[in-house]
Amino acid sequence: MGNSNTKLEGFSALPRRVTWLLLLIVFPLIWVGGLVTTSDAGMAVPDWPNTYNYNMFAYPVRDWFFGPWDLFVEHGHRLLGSLAGIVSIALVIVTFWKEPRRSLRILSLAVLGLVIFQGVLGGLRVVLDQRVLAQIHGTVGPGFFCFVAMVAIFNGRWWMTIHAERSTESNVPQNYGLLMKLMTTTMFVASYVQLALGAAIRHTPEMASHKYFTFILVGHIVAAVAILLLGFAIFAMSRLSIGRRWGCRRTSIFLVFLVLIQVSLGLATWVMKYGWPVWFENFAPAAHFVIPEKTFWQMNIVTAHVAVGSLILATSAVLMVRNFRLFSSSPSSNPDPNIVSEPKPLAEGV
């Protein structure tokens, strides 16, 4: 984060805190949404925006909490989504109240617009009972999470002070910054492509051909390999002396950690859904393995694979926007007018 000795006139941490609260709500929302798909609970509540003709918020807690599992996760998903919408409204209010930057005000409205769009998509998926809408809904959700993570960075003190901090540096290699921007952008794009292909796999139509499934599966695996290689490359670049000073080293470490977990979860997801690969046929546990169906471990391992993919996407986006901010062409030509004291050396960003 930015150095605490750098003073900002009129800076308020309230919009940033509300943005982080929204992030803390959206991640469980993605997890519960994944459980809805994994447990085939998408149509457990057949009406929308009501729940069995009740107002969504007036549905009896006992019937929901102690009812069937599919009703529990589907109605819980709706309630979490509504909470995300309420906090998004609060974000718009505090941003217009405390934030003078017009760009942040527009972004707060975009956050609210996206959460409304995602809610309508989820509702139409129920009303129209269409698998394609479920696939789009499952892709937009992580994108929304990613967008909110970027807004949290834009709302932070680091974003406002980094240009003035960099104005004291004259030895930042241009090629290093260009390469970091290219690599982090590619990482972000590859993460979203892989996530979209994963959503296509989860929502594959029952009548889809074997060639269609193989095509999206191979694409998903190729994207995973690219993400793994890019993650280690970004980490290696951040370990250079200049990278330790200006790169986001701890964020790149976290990214590699997430990618390694995701690869492990991907392998476990394959075993849980399709069994052990044929070349493990002589492996004793594989020979006696029975594919579980909607067990606790099966549902949560598959859902964790979806949720960690969203974390990778958001972390990639944070690295990308940070590096674009760090290595813009002329950091000293557009200093922030709100900075009223000489900055001291910046601590490494997270």
Protein backbone atom coordinates (compact mmCIF):
# COMPACT_ATOMS: atom_id res chain seq x y z
CA MET A 1 0.00 0.00 0.00
CA GLY A 2 1.04 3.62 -0.24
CA ASN A 3 3.27 5.20 2.40
CA SER A 4 1.30 6.58 5.33
CA ASN A 5 3.53 9.68 5.46
CA THR A 6 2.17 10.88 2.12
CA LYS A 7 -0.66 13.26 2.98
CA LEU A 8 -3.71 13.57 0.78
CA GLU A 9 -6.02 16.50 1.12
CA GLY A 10 -9.65 15.46 1.35
CA PHE A 11 -8.89 11.72 1.02
CA SER A 12 -11.56 9.46 2.54
CA ALA A 13 -11.12 5.74 3.15
CA LEU A 14 -14.89 5.15 3.35
CA PRO A 15 -15.47 4.29 -0.35
CA ARG A 16 -12.55 1.86 -0.23
CA ARG A 17 -13.93 0.17 2.89
CA VAL A 18 -17.38 -0.23 1.35
CA THR A 19 -15.76 -1.66 -1.78
CA TRP A 20 -13.88 -4.22 0.33
CA LEU A 21 -17.12 -5.10 2.12
CA LEU A 22 -18.68 -5.75 -1.28
CA LEU A 23 -15.76 -8.00 -2.21
CA LEU A 24 -16.22 -9.98 1.01
CA ILE A 25 -19.86 -10.55 0.05
CA VAL A 26 -19.33 -11.34 -3.63
CA PHE A 27 -16.77 -14.11 -3.08
CA PRO A 28 -19.14 -16.25 -0.93
CA LEU A 29 -21.84 -15.39 -3.48
CA ILE A 30 -19.68 -16.97 -6.21
CA TRP A 31 -19.08 -20.03 -4.02
CA VAL A 32 -22.80 -20.50 -3.28
CA GLY A 33 -23.58 -19.89 -6.96
CA GLY A 34 -21.14 -22.66 -7.81
CA LEU A 35 -22.90 -24.96 -5.35
CA VAL A 36 -26.21 -24.18 -7.06
CA THR A 37 -24.81 -25.47 -10.36
CA THR A 38 -22.87 -28.40 -8.85
CA SER A 39 -25.92 -29.67 -6.95
CA ASP A 40 -28.32 -29.00 -9.86
CA ALA A 41 -30.32 -26.64 -7.66
CA GLY A 42 -30.78 -23.94 -10.29
CA MET A 43 -34.53 -24.57 -10.60
CA ALA A 44 -35.21 -25.43 -6.94
CA VAL A 45 -37.24 -22.21 -6.72
CA PRO A 46 -39.35 -22.05 -9.90
CA ASP A 47 -40.49 -18.42 -9.61
CA TRP A 48 -38.66 -15.09 -9.61
CA PRO A 49 -38.31 -12.51 -8.08
CA ASN A 50 -40.56 -14.19 -5.51
CA THR A 51 -39.82 -17.45 -3.71
CA TYR A 52 -42.82 -19.80 -3.89
CA ASN A 53 -45.11 -16.74 -4.14
CA TYR A 54 -43.55 -15.15 -1.05
CA ASN A 55 -41.66 -11.91 -1.21
CA MET A 56 -38.04 -13.08 -1.36
CA PHE A 57 -37.20 -11.41 1.96
CA ALA A 58 -40.37 -12.65 3.67
CA TYR A 59 -39.91 -16.35 2.90
CA PRO A 60 -40.07 -18.26 6.22
CA VAL A 61 -36.59 -18.76 7.65
CA ARG A 62 -37.47 -22.18 9.06
CA ASP A 63 -38.68 -23.46 5.68
CA TRP A 64 -35.51 -22.15 4.05
CA PHE A 65 -32.91 -23.07 6.63
CA PHE A 66 -34.27 -26.50 7.47
CA GLY A 67 -35.73 -27.29 4.07
CA PRO A 68 -34.25 -29.36 1.23
CA TRP A 69 -30.61 -28.71 0.35
CA ASP A 70 -31.33 -27.42 -3.16
CA LEU A 71 -33.86 -24.91 -1.79
CA PHE A 72 -31.37 -23.85 0.88
CA VAL A 73 -28.56 -23.04 -1.56
CA GLU A 74 -30.76 -21.49 -4.27
CA HIS A 75 -32.67 -19.17 -1.92
CA GLY A 76 -29.44 -18.39 -0.03
CA HIS A 77 -27.83 -17.45 -3.32
CA ARG A 78 -30.66 -15.01 -4.01
CA LEU A 79 -30.39 -13.44 -0.56
CA LEU A 80 -26.61 -13.00 -0.91
CA GLY A 81 -27.12 -11.46 -4.33
CA SER A 82 -29.64 -9.01 -2.85
CA LEU A 83 -27.16 -8.10 -0.11
CA ALA A 84 -24.52 -7.43 -2.78
CA GLY A 85 -27.02 -5.13 -4.50
CA ILE A 86 -27.71 -3.22 -1.27
CA VAL A 87 -24.00 -2.73 -0.59
CA SER A 88 -23.53 -1.60 -4.22
CA ILE A 89 -26.14 1.10 -3.63
CA ALA A 90 -24.25 2.11 -0.46
CA LEU A 91 -21.04 2.29 -2.52
CA VAL A 92 -22.65 4.75 -4.95
CA ILE A 93 -23.89 6.89 -2.07
CA VAL A 94 -20.57 7.09 -0.19
CA THR A 95 -18.61 7.59 -3.43
CA PHE A 96 -20.73 10.59 -4.47
CA TRP A 97 -20.52 11.88 -0.90
CA LYS A 98 -16.81 11.44 -0.20
CA GLU A 99 -15.03 11.00 -3.55
CA PRO A 100 -14.35 14.10 -5.72
CA ARG A 101 -12.96 12.13 -8.67
CA ARG A 102 -15.55 11.88 -11.44
CA SER A 103 -14.06 8.63 -12.75
CA LEU A 104 -14.66 6.88 -9.41
CA ARG A 105 -18.24 8.11 -9.33
CA ILE A 106 -18.83 6.67 -12.78
CA LEU A 107 -17.22 3.37 -11.72
CA SER A 108 -19.47 3.13 -8.67
CA LEU A 109 -22.50 3.50 -10.95
CA ALA A 110 -21.01 0.81 -13.21
CA VAL A 111 -20.71 -1.53 -10.19
CA LEU A 112 -24.40 -0.99 -9.40
CA GLY A 113 -25.35 -1.49 -13.05
CA LEU A 114 -23.41 -4.74 -13.25
CA VAL A 115 -24.91 -6.20 -10.09
CA ILE A 116 -28.41 -5.37 -11.39
CA PHE A 117 -27.56 -6.95 -14.74
CA GLN A 118 -26.28 -10.09 -13.04
CA GLY A 119 -29.40 -10.32 -10.89
CA VAL A 120 -31.66 -10.00 -13.92
CA LEU A 121 -29.64 -12.68 -15.73
CA GLY A 122 -30.10 -15.03 -12.79
CA GLY A 123 -33.82 -14.32 -12.71
CA LEU A 124 -34.27 -14.84 -16.44
CA ARG A 125 -32.38 -18.12 -16.17
CA VAL A 126 -35.12 -19.30 -13.78
CA VAL A 127 -38.08 -17.82 -15.65
CA LEU A 128 -36.95 -19.03 -19.09
CA ASP A 129 -35.14 -22.16 -17.82
CA GLN A 130 -32.35 -21.76 -20.36
CA ARG A 131 -28.92 -23.32 -19.98
CA VAL A 132 -27.24 -20.62 -22.10
CA LEU A 133 -28.37 -17.94 -19.66
CA ALA A 134 -26.97 -20.02 -16.80
CA GLN A 135 -23.62 -20.16 -18.61
CA ILE A 136 -23.59 -16.39 -19.15
CA HIS A 137 -24.64 -15.84 -15.53
CA GLY A 138 -21.77 -18.04 -14.37
CA THR A 139 -19.29 -16.03 -16.46
CA VAL A 140 -20.50 -12.54 -15.57
CA GLY A 141 -20.33 -13.23 -11.80
CA PRO A 142 -16.53 -13.67 -11.65
CA GLY A 143 -16.19 -10.72 -14.02
CA PHE A 144 -18.15 -8.60 -11.56
CA PHE A 145 -15.93 -9.79 -8.70
CA CYS A 146 -12.87 -8.86 -10.78
CA PHE A 147 -14.29 -5.41 -11.56
CA VAL A 148 -14.99 -4.67 -7.89
CA ALA A 149 -11.42 -5.71 -7.02
CA MET A 150 -10.08 -3.17 -9.51
CA VAL A 151 -12.36 -0.45 -8.09
CA ALA A 152 -10.95 -1.25 -4.64
CA ILE A 153 -7.45 -0.52 -6.01
CA PHE A 154 -8.62 2.71 -7.66
CA ASN A 155 -10.14 3.82 -4.34
CA GLY A 156 -6.92 3.25 -2.39
CA ARG A 157 -4.25 5.70 -1.24
CA TRP A 158 -1.62 3.78 -3.26
CA TRP A 159 -3.32 4.63 -6.55
CA MET A 160 -3.34 8.35 -5.75
CA THR A 161 0.27 8.62 -4.57
CA ILE A 162 2.24 6.27 -6.82
CA HIS A 163 2.85 8.78 -9.63
CA ALA A 164 4.35 11.30 -7.26
CA GLU A 165 6.42 8.54 -5.66
CA ARG A 166 7.71 7.45 -9.07
CA SER A 167 8.62 11.02 -10.05
CA THR A 168 11.75 10.68 -7.88
CA GLU A 169 12.92 7.63 -9.84
CA SER A 170 14.90 7.96 -13.07
CA ASN A 171 16.21 4.43 -13.55
CA VAL A 172 13.04 2.49 -14.36
CA PRO A 173 13.81 0.50 -17.54
CA GLN A 174 11.14 1.07 -20.17
CA ASN A 175 11.39 -2.51 -21.46
CA TYR A 176 10.73 -3.90 -17.98
CA GLY A 177 7.53 -1.92 -17.62
CA LEU A 178 6.38 -2.83 -21.14
CA LEU A 179 7.00 -6.52 -20.53
CA MET A 180 5.20 -6.48 -17.19
CA LYS A 181 2.17 -4.76 -18.72
CA LEU A 182 2.11 -7.27 -21.59
CA MET A 183 2.48 -10.31 -19.33
CA THR A 184 -0.11 -9.23 -16.77
CA THR A 185 -2.61 -8.31 -19.51
CA THR A 186 -2.11 -11.70 -21.16
CA MET A 187 -2.54 -13.36 -17.78
CA PHE A 188 -5.81 -11.53 -17.24
CA VAL A 189 -7.17 -12.44 -20.69
CA ALA A 190 -6.09 -16.09 -20.36
CA SER A 191 -7.72 -16.31 -16.92
CA TYR A 192 -11.03 -15.03 -18.23
CA VAL A 193 -10.94 -17.29 -21.29
CA GLN A 194 -10.25 -20.30 -19.10
CA LEU A 195 -13.06 -19.31 -16.76
CA ALA A 196 -15.49 -18.94 -19.67
CA LEU A 197 -14.48 -22.35 -21.04
CA GLY A 198 -14.94 -23.83 -17.57
CA ALA A 199 -18.46 -22.39 -17.45
CA ALA A 200 -19.13 -23.96 -20.84
CA ILE A 201 -17.99 -27.34 -19.51
CA ARG A 202 -20.21 -27.06 -16.43
CA HIS A 203 -23.22 -26.13 -18.53
CA THR A 204 -22.62 -28.45 -21.48
CA PRO A 205 -25.97 -29.40 -23.05
CA GLU A 206 -26.93 -33.04 -22.61
CA MET A 207 -27.23 -33.44 -26.38
CA ALA A 208 -23.83 -31.85 -27.11
CA SER A 209 -21.49 -33.86 -29.31
CA HIS A 210 -18.32 -35.50 -28.05
CA LYS A 211 -16.28 -33.23 -30.35
CA TYR A 212 -17.80 -30.11 -28.77
CA PHE A 213 -16.97 -31.28 -25.25
CA THR A 214 -13.44 -32.29 -26.28
CA PHE A 215 -12.85 -28.92 -27.95
CA ILE A 216 -13.78 -26.82 -24.91
CA LEU A 217 -11.97 -29.22 -22.55
CA VAL A 218 -8.72 -29.00 -24.55
CA GLY A 219 -9.07 -25.21 -24.67
CA HIS A 220 -9.57 -25.15 -20.90
CA ILE A 221 -6.42 -27.23 -20.36
CA VAL A 222 -4.33 -25.16 -22.80
CA ALA A 223 -5.41 -21.97 -21.03
CA ALA A 224 -4.49 -23.57 -17.68
CA VAL A 225 -0.96 -24.37 -18.92
CA ALA A 226 -0.58 -20.82 -20.23
CA ILE A 227 -1.72 -19.40 -16.89
CA LEU A 228 0.71 -21.62 -14.99
CA LEU A 229 3.67 -20.53 -17.16
CA LEU A 230 2.66 -16.86 -17.07
CA GLY A 231 2.24 -16.95 -13.30
CA PHE A 232 5.79 -18.20 -12.79
CA ALA A 233 7.13 -15.73 -15.38
CA ILE A 234 5.48 -12.77 -13.62
CA PHE A 235 6.81 -14.02 -10.31
CA ALA A 236 10.34 -14.31 -11.74
CA MET A 237 10.15 -10.77 -13.13
CA SER A 238 8.97 -9.44 -9.79
CA ARG A 239 12.02 -11.02 -8.13
CA LEU A 240 14.43 -8.83 -10.10
CA SER A 241 15.90 -5.87 -8.24
CA ILE A 242 13.74 -3.38 -10.12
CA GLY A 243 10.76 -5.66 -9.68
CA ARG A 244 11.19 -5.75 -5.92
CA ARG A 245 11.12 -1.95 -5.91
CA TRP A 246 8.28 -1.27 -8.35
CA GLY A 247 6.63 -4.60 -9.07
CA CYS A 248 3.90 -6.17 -6.95
CA ARG A 249 6.00 -9.01 -5.61
CA ARG A 250 3.71 -10.22 -2.86
CA THR A 251 0.74 -10.15 -5.21
CA SER A 252 2.65 -12.26 -7.75
CA ILE A 253 3.52 -14.76 -5.00
CA PHE A 254 -0.16 -14.97 -4.08
CA LEU A 255 -1.04 -15.45 -7.74
CA VAL A 256 1.36 -18.39 -8.15
CA PHE A 257 0.01 -19.90 -4.93
CA LEU A 258 -3.55 -19.66 -6.29
CA VAL A 259 -2.56 -21.15 -9.66
CA LEU A 260 -0.91 -24.16 -8.00
CA ILE A 261 -3.99 -24.72 -5.85
CA GLN A 262 -6.18 -24.38 -8.94
CA VAL A 263 -4.20 -27.01 -10.86
CA SER A 264 -4.61 -29.42 -7.93
CA LEU A 265 -8.32 -28.65 -7.70
CA GLY A 266 -8.68 -29.12 -11.46
CA LEU A 267 -7.18 -32.61 -11.26
CA ALA A 268 -9.36 -33.46 -8.25
CA THR A 269 -12.44 -32.12 -10.07
CA TRP A 270 -11.74 -34.38 -13.05
CA VAL A 271 -11.44 -37.43 -10.79
CA MET A 272 -14.60 -36.51 -8.87
CA LYS A 273 -16.67 -35.99 -12.04
CA TYR A 274 -15.20 -38.39 -14.59
CA GLY A 275 -13.04 -40.84 -12.64
CA TRP A 276 -9.34 -41.59 -12.91
CA PRO A 277 -7.71 -41.30 -16.38
CA VAL A 278 -7.33 -44.59 -18.25
CA TRP A 279 -3.56 -44.69 -17.79
CA PHE A 280 -4.16 -45.12 -14.02
CA GLU A 281 -6.16 -48.30 -14.57
CA ASN A 282 -3.50 -50.42 -12.81
CA PHE A 283 -3.41 -48.03 -9.86
CA ALA A 284 -5.22 -49.76 -6.95
CA PRO A 285 -7.27 -46.74 -5.71
CA ALA A 286 -8.33 -46.04 -9.30
CA ALA A 287 -9.48 -49.61 -9.90
CA HIS A 288 -11.93 -49.48 -7.00
CA PHE A 289 -12.94 -45.84 -7.36
CA VAL A 290 -16.63 -45.04 -7.79
CA ILE A 291 -17.58 -41.58 -9.06
CA PRO A 292 -19.43 -39.82 -6.23
CA GLU A 293 -22.67 -38.01 -6.99
CA LYS A 294 -23.51 -34.84 -5.06
CA THR A 295 -21.56 -35.81 -1.97
CA PHE A 296 -20.09 -33.16 0.33
CA TRP A 297 -16.56 -33.58 -1.03
CA GLN A 298 -17.60 -33.81 -4.66
CA MET A 299 -19.71 -30.65 -4.52
CA ASN A 300 -17.20 -28.58 -2.59
CA ILE A 301 -14.09 -29.63 -4.54
CA VAL A 302 -15.80 -28.80 -7.85
CA THR A 303 -17.12 -25.52 -6.44
CA ALA A 304 -13.73 -24.62 -4.98
CA HIS A 305 -12.26 -25.01 -8.46
CA VAL A 306 -14.76 -22.42 -9.72
CA ALA A 307 -14.18 -20.04 -6.80
CA VAL A 308 -10.38 -20.14 -6.97
CA GLY A 309 -10.64 -19.41 -10.69
CA SER A 310 -12.45 -16.19 -9.78
CA LEU A 311 -9.68 -15.32 -7.30
CA ILE A 312 -7.06 -15.86 -10.01
CA LEU A 313 -8.98 -13.61 -12.38
CA ALA A 314 -9.29 -10.84 -9.77
CA THR A 315 -5.62 -11.11 -8.74
CA SER A 316 -4.55 -10.97 -12.38
CA ALA A 317 -6.67 -7.85 -12.88
CA VAL A 318 -5.14 -6.19 -9.81
CA LEU A 319 -1.62 -6.94 -11.07
CA MET A 320 -2.51 -5.63 -14.52
CA VAL A 321 -3.94 -2.27 -13.41
CA ARG A 322 -1.13 -1.79 -10.87
CA ASN A 323 1.53 -2.32 -13.52
CA PHE A 324 -0.21 0.01 -15.96
CA ARG A 325 -0.28 2.63 -13.22
CA LEU A 326 3.34 1.99 -12.27
CA PHE A 327 4.76 2.03 -15.77
CA SER A 328 2.78 4.69 -17.57
CA SER A 329 4.87 6.75 -19.98
CA SER A 330 5.41 9.88 -17.91
CA PRO A 331 4.73 9.57 -14.18
CA SER A 332 5.85 13.09 -13.31
CA SER A 333 3.87 14.91 -16.01
CA ASN A 334 0.51 14.51 -14.29
CA PRO A 335 0.95 14.67 -10.53
CA ASP A 336 -2.11 14.34 -8.37
CA PRO A 337 -3.17 17.81 -7.17
CA ASN A 338 -4.42 16.38 -3.87
CA ILE A 339 -0.89 15.49 -2.70
CA VAL A 340 0.29 18.24 -0.37
CA SER A 341 3.57 16.92 1.04
CA GLU A 342 6.77 15.45 -0.37
CA PRO A 343 6.42 11.67 -0.53
CA LYS A 344 8.96 9.33 0.99
CA PRO A 345 10.02 5.98 -0.57
CA LEU A 346 7.04 3.75 -1.18
CA ALA A 347 6.64 0.46 0.60
CA GLU A 348 6.05 -2.48 -1.71
CA GLY A 349 2.46 -2.82 -2.89
CA VAL A 350 0.39 -5.83 -2.04
